Structures are given as C-alpha cells and as structure tokens.
C-alpha cells in the first residue's frame, strides 16, 4: 500500500465532510435570512422595530455572512475532494527522418 492512496482517501473524506457541513450551514442560514428579509418587506415597518431597510441590512449582516462562510466551506471541500489535475506535458518535437552516417 502506497502512502499516496491513504492521504488521497483522507483528503477526499474531509472534503466531503466540509461539503456536507458547508451545504447545511449555507442552506439553513440562507433560508433564515430569506425568511427575515421577506418578513421585513411584508411587515412594511409596522411592528415598531425599525424600517424595512434596517431589517434587510440586519438580516444580511447577521445571516448573510454565515451563509457566505458555508458556501466557502462547500467550495473548498469540493476542491479538496476532487482528484488532483494531471499535469500536461508539452509534446516533444522530434525529427523522424533517418540520419545517414557516412
């Protein structure tokens, strides 16, 4: 067993774990942020808690930043779980004509 297989399997596992955690964070905080923004728009500032603009800014700061962190975790985990790209080797030009020795 080579050492490369074990580290690749561990990287894939942690990448998938990061994707799962990031997806759950992004999904829940994104849904909550969307709910608060829509509720703020529907309330029309009638609750006495502030204007609609204040609700939107508050929701985006409190819920939007964790949502971006979740998206970042998801994308980082996806990059970690994928196999590394193979390097492209430039083709070597060769002269296939036979050489004549004198």
PDB file of N, CA and C in Angstrom:
ATOM      1  N   UNK A   1       0.847  -1.176   0.000  1.00  0.00           N
ATOM      2  CA  UNK A   1       0.000   0.000   0.000  1.00  0.00           C
ATOM      3  C   UNK A   1       0.883   1.226   0.000  1.00  0.00           C
ATOM      4  N   UNK A   2       0.657   2.104  -0.923  1.00  0.00           N
ATOM      5  CA  UNK A   2       1.471   3.310  -1.005  1.00  0.00           C
ATOM      6  C   UNK A   2       0.877   4.400  -0.133  1.00  0.00           C
ATOM      7  N   UNK A   3       1.709   5.341   0.284  1.00  0.00           N
ATOM      8  CA  UNK A   3       1.255   6.424   1.155  1.00  0.00           C
ATOM      9  C   UNK A   3       0.334   7.404   0.441  1.00  0.00           C
ATOM     10  N   UNK A   4       0.403   7.472  -0.874  1.00  0.00           N
ATOM     11  CA  UNK A   4      -0.421   8.409  -1.632  1.00  0.00           C
ATOM     12  C   UNK A   4      -1.894   8.054  -1.596  1.00  0.00           C
ATOM     13  N   UNK A   5      -2.211   6.763  -1.548  1.00  0.00           N
ATOM     14  CA  UNK A   5      -3.616   6.354  -1.527  1.00  0.00           C
ATOM     15  C   UNK A   5      -4.295   6.738  -0.220  1.00  0.00           C
ATOM     16  N   UNK A   6      -3.583   6.572   0.895  1.00  0.00           N
ATOM     17  CA  UNK A   6      -4.160   6.894   2.201  1.00  0.00           C
ATOM     18  C   UNK A   6      -4.405   8.380   2.370  1.00  0.00           C
ATOM     19  N   UNK A   7      -3.470   9.194   1.943  1.00  0.00           N
ATOM     20  CA  UNK A   7      -3.661  10.638   2.070  1.00  0.00           C
ATOM     21  C   UNK A   7      -4.738  11.124   1.109  1.00  0.00           C
ATOM     22  N   UNK A   8      -4.833  10.503  -0.047  1.00  0.00           N
ATOM     23  CA  UNK A   8      -5.875  10.898  -1.007  1.00  0.00           C
ATOM     24  C   UNK A   8      -7.257  10.540  -0.465  1.00  0.00           C
ATOM     25  N   UNK A   9      -7.363   9.372   0.188  1.00  0.00           N
ATOM     26  CA  UNK A   9      -8.644   8.966   0.765  1.00  0.00           C
ATOM     27  C   UNK A   9      -9.022   9.884   1.925  1.00  0.00           C
ATOM     28  N   UNK A  10      -8.038  10.267   2.731  1.00  0.00           N
ATOM     29  CA  UNK A  10      -8.311  11.175   3.853  1.00  0.00           C
ATOM     30  C   UNK A  10      -8.723  12.554   3.343  1.00  0.00           C
ATOM     31  N   UNK A  11      -8.043  13.035   2.312  1.00  0.00           N
ATOM     32  CA  UNK A  11      -8.400  14.344   1.746  1.00  0.00           C
ATOM     33  C   UNK A  11      -9.807  14.305   1.156  1.00  0.00           C
ATOM     34  N   UNK A  12     -10.136  13.201   0.501  1.00  0.00           N
ATOM     35  CA  UNK A  12     -11.488  13.070  -0.076  1.00  0.00           C
ATOM     36  C   UNK A  12     -12.539  13.033   1.029  1.00  0.00           C
ATOM     37  N   UNK A  13     -12.259  12.300   2.118  1.00  0.00           N
ATOM     38  CA  UNK A  13     -13.202  12.219   3.223  1.00  0.00           C
ATOM     39  C   UNK A  13     -13.434  13.594   3.850  1.00  0.00           C
ATOM     40  N   UNK A  14     -12.350  14.299   4.163  1.00  0.00           N
ATOM     41  CA  UNK A  14     -12.501  15.614   4.775  1.00  0.00           C
ATOM     42  C   UNK A  14     -13.114  16.617   3.804  1.00  0.00           C
ATOM     43  N   UNK A  15     -12.854  16.453   2.523  1.00  0.00           N
ATOM     44  CA  UNK A  15     -13.500  17.304   1.531  1.00  0.00           C
ATOM     45  C   UNK A  15     -15.006  17.084   1.506  1.00  0.00           C
ATOM     46  N   UNK A  16     -15.418  15.827   1.543  1.00  0.00           N
ATOM     47  CA  UNK A  16     -16.855  15.527   1.571  1.00  0.00           C
ATOM     48  C   UNK A  16     -17.497  15.997   2.875  1.00  0.00           C
ATOM     49  N   UNK A  17     -16.764  15.876   3.975  1.00  0.00           N
ATOM     50  CA  UNK A  17     -17.255  16.368   5.266  1.00  0.00           C
ATOM     51  C   UNK A  17     -17.430  17.882   5.245  1.00  0.00           C
ATOM     52  N   UNK A  18     -16.468  18.583   4.653  1.00  0.00           N
ATOM     53  CA  UNK A  18     -16.582  20.037   4.527  1.00  0.00           C
ATOM     54  C   UNK A  18     -17.752  20.426   3.635  1.00  0.00           C
ATOM     55  N   UNK A  19     -17.953  19.668   2.567  1.00  0.00           N
ATOM     56  CA  UNK A  19     -19.077  19.954   1.667  1.00  0.00           C
ATOM     57  C   UNK A  19     -20.401  19.780   2.385  1.00  0.00           C
ATOM     58  N   UNK A  20     -20.522  18.720   3.187  1.00  0.00           N
ATOM     59  CA  UNK A  20     -21.770  18.484   3.914  1.00  0.00           C
ATOM     60  C   UNK A  20     -22.021  19.584   4.936  1.00  0.00           C
ATOM     61  N   UNK A  21     -20.998  19.928   5.709  1.00  0.00           N
ATOM     62  CA  UNK A  21     -21.164  20.974   6.725  1.00  0.00           C
ATOM     63  C   UNK A  21     -21.443  22.325   6.077  1.00  0.00           C
ATOM     64  N   UNK A  22     -20.702  22.645   5.032  1.00  0.00           N
ATOM     65  CA  UNK A  22     -20.901  23.918   4.346  1.00  0.00           C
ATOM     66  C   UNK A  22     -22.270  24.006   3.700  1.00  0.00           C
ATOM     67  N   UNK A  23     -22.721  22.908   3.111  1.00  0.00           N
ATOM     68  CA  UNK A  23     -24.051  22.901   2.495  1.00  0.00           C
ATOM     69  C   UNK A  23     -25.155  23.095   3.522  1.00  0.00           C
ATOM     70  N   UNK A  24     -25.032  22.438   4.668  1.00  0.00           N
ATOM     71  CA  UNK A  24     -26.039  22.606   5.721  1.00  0.00           C
ATOM     72  C   UNK A  24     -26.027  24.022   6.284  1.00  0.00           C
ATOM     73  N   UNK A  25     -24.843  24.573   6.489  1.00  0.00           N
ATOM     74  CA  UNK A  25     -24.752  25.947   7.001  1.00  0.00           C
ATOM     75  C   UNK A  25     -25.354  26.920   6.003  1.00  0.00           C
ATOM     76  N   UNK A  26     -24.979  26.789   4.741  1.00  0.00           N
ATOM     77  CA  UNK A  26     -25.483  27.705   3.718  1.00  0.00           C
ATOM     78  C   UNK A  26     -26.994  27.565   3.550  1.00  0.00           C
ATOM     79  N   UNK A  27     -27.490  26.343   3.588  1.00  0.00           N
ATOM     80  CA  UNK A  27     -28.924  26.119   3.401  1.00  0.00           C
ATOM     81  C   UNK A  27     -29.738  26.712   4.548  1.00  0.00           C
ATOM     82  N   UNK A  28     -29.340  26.433   5.770  1.00  0.00           N
ATOM     83  CA  UNK A  28     -30.138  26.904   6.913  1.00  0.00           C
ATOM     84  C   UNK A  28     -30.026  28.406   7.106  1.00  0.00           C
ATOM     85  N   UNK A  29     -28.822  28.952   7.032  1.00  0.00           N
ATOM     86  CA  UNK A  29     -28.701  30.403   7.222  1.00  0.00           C
ATOM     87  C   UNK A  29     -29.283  31.170   6.049  1.00  0.00           C
ATOM     88  N   UNK A  30     -29.162  30.608   4.855  1.00  0.00           N
ATOM     89  CA  UNK A  30     -29.749  31.264   3.687  1.00  0.00           C
ATOM     90  C   UNK A  30     -31.270  31.286   3.758  1.00  0.00           C
ATOM     91  N   UNK A  31     -31.857  30.175   4.188  1.00  0.00           N
ATOM     92  CA  UNK A  31     -33.324  30.122   4.313  1.00  0.00           C
ATOM     93  C   UNK A  31     -33.810  31.073   5.403  1.00  0.00           C
ATOM     94  N   UNK A  32     -33.103  31.122   6.517  1.00  0.00           N
ATOM     95  CA  UNK A  32     -33.486  32.011   7.615  1.00  0.00           C
ATOM     96  C   UNK A  32     -33.345  33.473   7.183  1.00  0.00           C
ATOM     97  N   UNK A  33     -32.263  33.802   6.492  1.00  0.00           N
ATOM     98  CA  UNK A  33     -32.067  35.169   6.014  1.00  0.00           C
ATOM     99  C   UNK A  33     -33.163  35.555   5.035  1.00  0.00           C
ATOM    100  N   UNK A  34     -33.500  34.664   4.135  1.00  0.00           N
ATOM    101  CA  UNK A  34     -34.566  34.932   3.167  1.00  0.00           C
ATOM    102  C   UNK A  34     -35.897  35.143   3.882  1.00  0.00           C
ATOM    103  N   UNK A  35     -36.181  34.341   4.890  1.00  0.00           N
ATOM    104  CA  UNK A  35     -37.424  34.483   5.645  1.00  0.00           C
ATOM    105  C   UNK A  35     -37.487  35.841   6.352  1.00  0.00           C
ATOM    106  N   UNK A  36     -36.400  36.237   6.998  1.00  0.00           N
ATOM    107  CA  UNK A  36     -36.396  37.513   7.719  1.00  0.00           C
ATOM    108  C   UNK A  36     -36.509  38.686   6.752  1.00  0.00           C
ATOM    109  N   UNK A  37     -35.831  38.617   5.619  1.00  0.00           N
ATOM    110  CA  UNK A  37     -35.924  39.699   4.630  1.00  0.00           C
ATOM    111  C   UNK A  37     -37.345  39.806   4.092  1.00  0.00           C
ATOM    112  N   UNK A  38     -37.953  38.674   3.742  1.00  0.00           N
ATOM    113  CA  UNK A  38     -39.319  38.711   3.224  1.00  0.00           C
ATOM    114  C   UNK A  38     -40.313  39.157   4.289  1.00  0.00           C
ATOM    115  N   UNK A  39     -40.103  38.729   5.535  1.00  0.00           N
ATOM    116  CA  UNK A  39     -40.983  39.172   6.612  1.00  0.00           C
ATOM    117  C   UNK A  39     -40.839  40.670   6.844  1.00  0.00           C
ATOM    118  N   UNK A  40     -39.633  41.170   6.744  1.00  0.00           N
ATOM    119  CA  UNK A  40     -39.416  42.608   6.886  1.00  0.00           C
ATOM    120  C   UNK A  40     -40.058  43.395   5.768  1.00  0.00           C
ATOM    121  N   UNK A  41     -40.032  42.843   4.559  1.00  0.00           N
ATOM    122  CA  UNK A  41     -40.671  43.526   3.433  1.00  0.00           C
ATOM    123  C   UNK A  41     -42.197  43.480   3.551  1.00  0.00           C
ATOM    124  N   UNK A  42     -42.727  42.380   4.054  1.00  0.00           N
ATOM    125  CA  UNK A  42     -44.178  42.246   4.199  1.00  0.00           C
ATOM    126  C   UNK A  42     -44.711  43.092   5.354  1.00  0.00           C
ATOM    127  N   UNK A  43     -43.916  43.210   6.421  1.00  0.00           N
ATOM    128  CA  UNK A  43     -44.384  43.968   7.588  1.00  0.00           C
ATOM    129  C   UNK A  43     -44.447  45.451   7.288  1.00  0.00           C
ATOM    130  N   UNK A  44     -43.642  45.899   6.352  1.00  0.00           N
ATOM    131  CA  UNK A  44     -43.692  47.293   5.928  1.00  0.00           C
ATOM    132  C   UNK A  44     -43.350  48.244   7.068  1.00  0.00           C
ATOM    133  N   UNK A  45     -42.553  47.801   8.020  1.00  0.00           N
ATOM    134  CA  UNK A  45     -42.150  48.658   9.119  1.00  0.00           C
ATOM    135  C   UNK A  45     -43.257  48.926  10.112  1.00  0.00           C
ATOM    136  N   UNK A  46     -44.275  48.103  10.159  1.00  0.00           N
ATOM    137  CA  UNK A  46     -45.415  48.369  11.023  1.00  0.00           C
ATOM    138  C   UNK A  46     -45.252  47.795  12.426  1.00  0.00           C
ATOM    139  N   UNK A  47     -44.172  47.080  12.702  1.00  0.00           N
ATOM    140  CA  UNK A  47     -44.009  46.458  14.005  1.00  0.00           C
ATOM    141  C   UNK A  47     -43.362  47.351  15.041  1.00  0.00           C
ATOM    142  N   UNK A  48     -42.857  48.492  14.642  1.00  0.00           N
ATOM    143  CA  UNK A  48     -42.196  49.370  15.572  1.00  0.00           C
ATOM    144  C   UNK A  48     -40.761  48.969  15.847  1.00  0.00           C
ATOM    145  N   UNK A  49     -40.225  48.025  15.101  1.00  0.00           N
ATOM    146  CA  UNK A  49     -38.859  47.563  15.323  1.00  0.00           C
ATOM    147  C   UNK A  49     -37.863  48.236  14.399  1.00  0.00           C
ATOM    148  N   UNK A  50     -38.286  49.072  13.541  1.00  0.00           N
ATOM    149  CA  UNK A  50     -37.393  49.744  12.607  1.00  0.00           C
ATOM    150  C   UNK A  50     -37.971  49.727  11.212  1.00  0.00           C
ATOM    151  N   UNK A  51     -37.284  50.388  10.329  1.00  0.00           N
ATOM    152  CA  UNK A  51     -37.764  50.466   8.951  1.00  0.00           C
ATOM    153  C   UNK A  51     -37.418  49.180   8.206  1.00  0.00           C
ATOM    154  N   UNK A  52     -37.969  49.061   7.026  1.00  0.00           N
ATOM    155  CA  UNK A  52     -37.728  47.880   6.200  1.00  0.00           C
ATOM    156  C   UNK A  52     -36.258  47.782   5.816  1.00  0.00           C
ATOM    157  N   UNK A  53     -35.644  48.908   5.513  1.00  0.00           N
ATOM    158  CA  UNK A  53     -34.231  48.911   5.156  1.00  0.00           C
ATOM    159  C   UNK A  53     -33.350  48.420   6.290  1.00  0.00           C
ATOM    160  N   UNK A  54     -33.700  48.782   7.515  1.00  0.00           N
ATOM    161  CA  UNK A  54     -32.928  48.315   8.669  1.00  0.00           C
ATOM    162  C   UNK A  54     -33.047  46.803   8.829  1.00  0.00           C
ATOM    163  N   UNK A  55     -34.235  46.253   8.589  1.00  0.00           N
ATOM    164  CA  UNK A  55     -34.439  44.806   8.682  1.00  0.00           C
ATOM    165  C   UNK A  55     -33.607  44.069   7.626  1.00  0.00           C
ATOM    166  N   UNK A  56     -33.604  44.616   6.425  1.00  0.00           N
ATOM    167  CA  UNK A  56     -32.871  43.958   5.343  1.00  0.00           C
ATOM    168  C   UNK A  56     -31.372  43.969   5.633  1.00  0.00           C
ATOM    169  N   UNK A  57     -30.852  45.110   6.066  1.00  0.00           N
ATOM    170  CA  UNK A  57     -29.422  45.200   6.368  1.00  0.00           C
ATOM    171  C   UNK A  57     -29.062  44.285   7.531  1.00  0.00           C
ATOM    172  N   UNK A  58     -29.894  44.274   8.561  1.00  0.00           N
ATOM    173  CA  UNK A  58     -29.627  43.432   9.720  1.00  0.00           C
ATOM    174  C   UNK A  58     -29.639  41.950   9.318  1.00  0.00           C
ATOM    175  N   UNK A  59     -30.604  41.559   8.522  1.00  0.00           N
ATOM    176  CA  UNK A  59     -30.693  40.155   8.107  1.00  0.00           C
ATOM    177  C   UNK A  59     -29.504  39.758   7.249  1.00  0.00           C
ATOM    178  N   UNK A  60     -29.078  40.646   6.362  1.00  0.00           N
ATOM    179  CA  UNK A  60     -27.955  40.321   5.501  1.00  0.00           C
ATOM    180  C   UNK A  60     -26.636  40.258   6.273  1.00  0.00           C
ATOM    181  N   UNK A  61     -26.479  41.100   7.289  1.00  0.00           N
ATOM    182  CA  UNK A  61     -25.251  41.066   8.074  1.00  0.00           C
ATOM    183  C   UNK A  61     -25.240  39.846   8.987  1.00  0.00           C
ATOM    184  N   UNK A  62     -26.332  39.615   9.687  1.00  0.00           N
ATOM    185  CA  UNK A  62     -26.369  38.525  10.667  1.00  0.00           C
ATOM    186  C   UNK A  62     -26.477  37.162   9.980  1.00  0.00           C
ATOM    187  N   UNK A  63     -27.256  37.045   8.940  1.00  0.00           N
ATOM    188  CA  UNK A  63     -27.443  35.752   8.282  1.00  0.00           C
ATOM    189  C   UNK A  63     -26.640  35.581   7.010  1.00  0.00           C
ATOM    190  N   UNK A  64     -26.314  36.686   6.350  1.00  0.00           N
ATOM    191  CA  UNK A  64     -25.603  36.590   5.072  1.00  0.00           C
ATOM    192  C   UNK A  64     -24.154  36.179   5.216  1.00  0.00           C
ATOM    193  N   UNK A  65     -23.487  36.678   6.242  1.00  0.00           N
ATOM    194  CA  UNK A  65     -22.083  36.324   6.431  1.00  0.00           C
ATOM    195  C   UNK A  65     -21.895  34.843   6.744  1.00  0.00           C
ATOM    196  N   UNK A  66     -22.675  34.247   7.655  1.00  0.00           N
ATOM    197  CA  UNK A  66     -22.535  32.793   7.840  1.00  0.00           C
ATOM    198  C   UNK A  66     -22.901  31.998   6.583  1.00  0.00           C
ATOM    199  N   UNK A  67     -23.823  32.509   5.804  1.00  0.00           N
ATOM    200  CA  UNK A  67     -24.181  31.831   4.560  1.00  0.00           C
ATOM    201  C   UNK A  67     -22.995  31.835   3.598  1.00  0.00           C
ATOM    202  N   UNK A  68     -22.288  32.948   3.519  1.00  0.00           N
ATOM    203  CA  UNK A  68     -21.102  33.005   2.665  1.00  0.00           C
ATOM    204  C   UNK A  68     -19.996  32.081   3.185  1.00  0.00           C
ATOM    205  N   UNK A  69     -19.873  31.971   4.502  1.00  0.00           N
ATOM    206  CA  UNK A  69     -18.897  31.052   5.080  1.00  0.00           C
ATOM    207  C   UNK A  69     -19.262  29.609   4.704  1.00  0.00           C
ATOM    208  N   UNK A  70     -20.550  29.282   4.760  1.00  0.00           N
ATOM    209  CA  UNK A  70     -20.996  27.946   4.363  1.00  0.00           C
ATOM    210  C   UNK A  70     -20.724  27.657   2.903  1.00  0.00           C
ATOM    211  N   UNK A  71     -20.955  28.642   2.050  1.00  0.00           N
ATOM    212  CA  UNK A  71     -20.669  28.466   0.622  1.00  0.00           C
ATOM    213  C   UNK A  71     -19.170  28.278   0.417  1.00  0.00           C
ATOM    214  N   UNK A  72     -18.355  29.037   1.161  1.00  0.00           N
ATOM    215  CA  UNK A  72     -16.907  28.879   1.065  1.00  0.00           C
ATOM    216  C   UNK A  72     -16.447  27.504   1.518  1.00  0.00           C
ATOM    217  N   UNK A  73     -17.036  27.004   2.608  1.00  0.00           N
ATOM    218  CA  UNK A  73     -16.714  25.645   3.065  1.00  0.00           C
ATOM    219  C   UNK A  73     -17.082  24.613   2.003  1.00  0.00           C
ATOM    220  N   UNK A  74     -18.241  24.785   1.406  1.00  0.00           N
ATOM    221  CA  UNK A  74     -18.689  23.849   0.372  1.00  0.00           C
ATOM    222  C   UNK A  74     -17.731  23.846  -0.811  1.00  0.00           C
ATOM    223  N   UNK A  75     -17.368  25.026  -1.293  1.00  0.00           N
ATOM    224  CA  UNK A  75     -16.479  25.109  -2.452  1.00  0.00           C
ATOM    225  C   UNK A  75     -15.074  24.603  -2.116  1.00  0.00           C
ATOM    226  N   UNK A  76     -14.583  24.918  -0.920  1.00  0.00           N
ATOM    227  CA  UNK A  76     -13.273  24.402  -0.508  1.00  0.00           C
ATOM    228  C   UNK A  76     -13.273  22.894  -0.374  1.00  0.00           C
ATOM    229  N   UNK A  77     -14.350  22.340   0.170  1.00  0.00           N
ATOM    230  CA  UNK A  77     -14.458  20.892   0.280  1.00  0.00           C
ATOM    231  C   UNK A  77     -14.555  20.218  -1.069  1.00  0.00           C
ATOM    232  N   UNK A  78     -15.237  20.861  -2.009  1.00  0.00           N
ATOM    233  CA  UNK A  78     -15.335  20.295  -3.354  1.00  0.00           C
ATOM    234  C   UNK A  78     -13.967  20.261  -4.023  1.00  0.00           C
ATOM    235  N   UNK A  79     -13.195  21.324  -3.817  1.00  0.00           N
ATOM    236  CA  UNK A  79     -11.860  21.360  -4.403  1.00  0.00           C
ATOM    237  C   UNK A  79     -10.951  20.314  -3.755  1.00  0.00           C
ATOM    238  N   UNK A  80     -11.113  20.118  -2.456  1.00  0.00           N
ATOM    239  CA  UNK A  80     -10.286  19.160  -1.734  1.00  0.00           C
ATOM    240  C   UNK A  80     -10.644  17.717  -2.089  1.00  0.00           C
ATOM    241  N   UNK A  81     -11.915  17.449  -2.356  1.00  0.00           N
ATOM    242  CA  UNK A  81     -12.341  16.073  -2.606  1.00  0.00           C
ATOM    243  C   UNK A  81     -12.087  15.609  -4.036  1.00  0.00           C
ATOM    244  N   UNK A  82     -11.853  16.523  -4.930  1.00  0.00           N
ATOM    245  CA  UNK A  82     -11.574  16.126  -6.317  1.00  0.00           C
ATOM    246  C   UNK A  82     -10.139  15.648  -6.461  1.00  0.00           C
ATOM    247  N   UNK A  83      -9.923  14.733  -7.385  1.00  0.00           N
ATOM    248  CA  UNK A  83      -8.537  14.286  -7.601  1.00  0.00           C
ATOM    249  C   UNK A  83      -7.715  15.413  -8.208  1.00  0.00           C
ATOM    250  N   UNK A  84      -6.415  15.417  -7.937  1.00  0.00           N
ATOM    251  CA  UNK A  84      -5.577  16.481  -8.496  1.00  0.00           C
ATOM    252  C   UNK A  84      -5.515  16.369 -10.011  1.00  0.00           C
ATOM    253  N   UNK A  85      -5.392  17.509 -10.631  1.00  0.00           N
ATOM    254  CA  UNK A  85      -5.299  17.521 -12.090  1.00  0.00           C
ATOM    255  C   UNK A  85      -3.954  16.967 -12.536  1.00  0.00           C
ATOM    256  N   UNK A  86      -4.006  16.244 -13.613  1.00  0.00           N
ATOM    257  CA  UNK A  86      -2.759  15.730 -14.181  1.00  0.00           C
ATOM    258  C   UNK A  86      -2.060  16.867 -14.927  1.00  0.00           C
ATOM    259  N   UNK A  87      -0.778  16.913 -14.772  1.00  0.00           N
ATOM    260  CA  UNK A  87      -0.027  17.958 -15.467  1.00  0.00           C
ATOM    261  C   UNK A  87       0.033  17.636 -16.946  1.00  0.00           C
ATOM    262  N   UNK A  88      -0.090  18.660 -17.730  1.00  0.00           N
ATOM    263  CA  UNK A  88       0.042  18.475 -19.169  1.00  0.00           C
ATOM    264  C   UNK A  88       1.514  18.593 -19.537  1.00  0.00           C
ATOM    265  N   UNK A  89       1.970  17.610 -20.240  1.00  0.00           N
ATOM    266  CA  UNK A  89       3.354  17.618 -20.682  1.00  0.00           C
ATOM    267  C   UNK A  89       3.368  18.113 -22.118  1.00  0.00           C
ATOM    268  N   UNK A  90       4.215  19.083 -22.359  1.00  0.00           N
ATOM    269  CA  UNK A  90       4.312  19.617 -23.715  1.00  0.00           C
ATOM    270  C   UNK A  90       4.888  18.550 -24.630  1.00  0.00           C
ATOM    271  N   UNK A  91       4.285  18.400 -25.790  1.00  0.00           N
ATOM    272  CA  UNK A  91       4.808  17.385 -26.713  1.00  0.00           C
ATOM    273  C   UNK A  91       6.219  17.759 -27.173  1.00  0.00           C
ATOM    274  N   UNK A  92       7.037  16.760 -27.255  1.00  0.00           N
ATOM    275  CA  UNK A  92       8.407  16.959 -27.703  1.00  0.00           C
ATOM    276  C   UNK A  92       8.437  16.732 -29.200  1.00  0.00           C
ATOM    277  N   UNK A  93       8.912  17.733 -29.896  1.00  0.00           N
ATOM    278  CA  UNK A  93       9.008  17.589 -31.344  1.00  0.00           C
ATOM    279  C   UNK A  93      10.273  16.811 -31.669  1.00  0.00           C
ATOM    280  N   UNK A  94      10.103  15.865 -32.530  1.00  0.00           N
ATOM    281  CA  UNK A  94      11.275  15.083 -32.925  1.00  0.00           C
ATOM    282  C   UNK A  94      11.301  14.981 -34.438  1.00  0.00           C
ATOM    283  N   UNK A  95      12.465  14.823 -34.930  1.00  0.00           N
ATOM    284  CA  UNK A  95      12.657  14.661 -36.367  1.00  0.00           C
ATOM    285  C   UNK A  95      12.689  13.169 -36.657  1.00  0.00           C
ATOM    286  N   UNK A  96      11.677  12.681 -37.317  1.00  0.00           N
ATOM    287  CA  UNK A  96      11.576  11.248 -37.571  1.00  0.00           C
ATOM    288  C   UNK A  96      12.358  10.785 -38.797  1.00  0.00           C
ATOM    289  N   UNK A  97      12.990  11.692 -39.460  1.00  0.00           N
ATOM    290  CA  UNK A  97      13.743  11.289 -40.651  1.00  0.00           C
ATOM    291  C   UNK A  97      15.012  10.553 -40.235  1.00  0.00           C
ATOM    292  N   UNK A  98      15.303   9.498 -40.918  1.00  0.00           N
ATOM    293  CA  UNK A  98      16.517   8.763 -40.577  1.00  0.00           C
ATOM    294  C   UNK A  98      17.770   9.576 -40.932  1.00  0.00           C
ATOM    295  N   UNK A  99      18.750   9.397 -40.137  1.00  0.00           N
ATOM    296  CA  UNK A  99      20.008  10.095 -40.419  1.00  0.00           C
ATOM    297  C   UNK A  99      20.950   9.135 -41.142  1.00  0.00           C
ATOM    298  N   UNK A 100      21.694   9.646 -42.051  1.00  0.00           N
ATOM    299  CA  UNK A 100      22.652   8.837 -42.824  1.00  0.00           C
ATOM    300  C   UNK A 100      24.041   9.068 -42.262  1.00  0.00           C
ATOM    301  N   UNK A 101      24.666   7.959 -41.953  1.00  0.00           N
ATOM    302  CA  UNK A 101      26.038   8.063 -41.466  1.00  0.00           C
ATOM    303  C   UNK A 101      26.978   7.810 -42.652  1.00  0.00           C
ATOM    304  N   UNK A 102      28.013   8.575 -42.702  1.00  0.00           N
ATOM    305  CA  UNK A 102      28.937   8.362 -43.792  1.00  0.00           C
ATOM    306  C   UNK A 102      30.215   7.714 -43.346  1.00  0.00           C
TER     307      UNK A 102
END
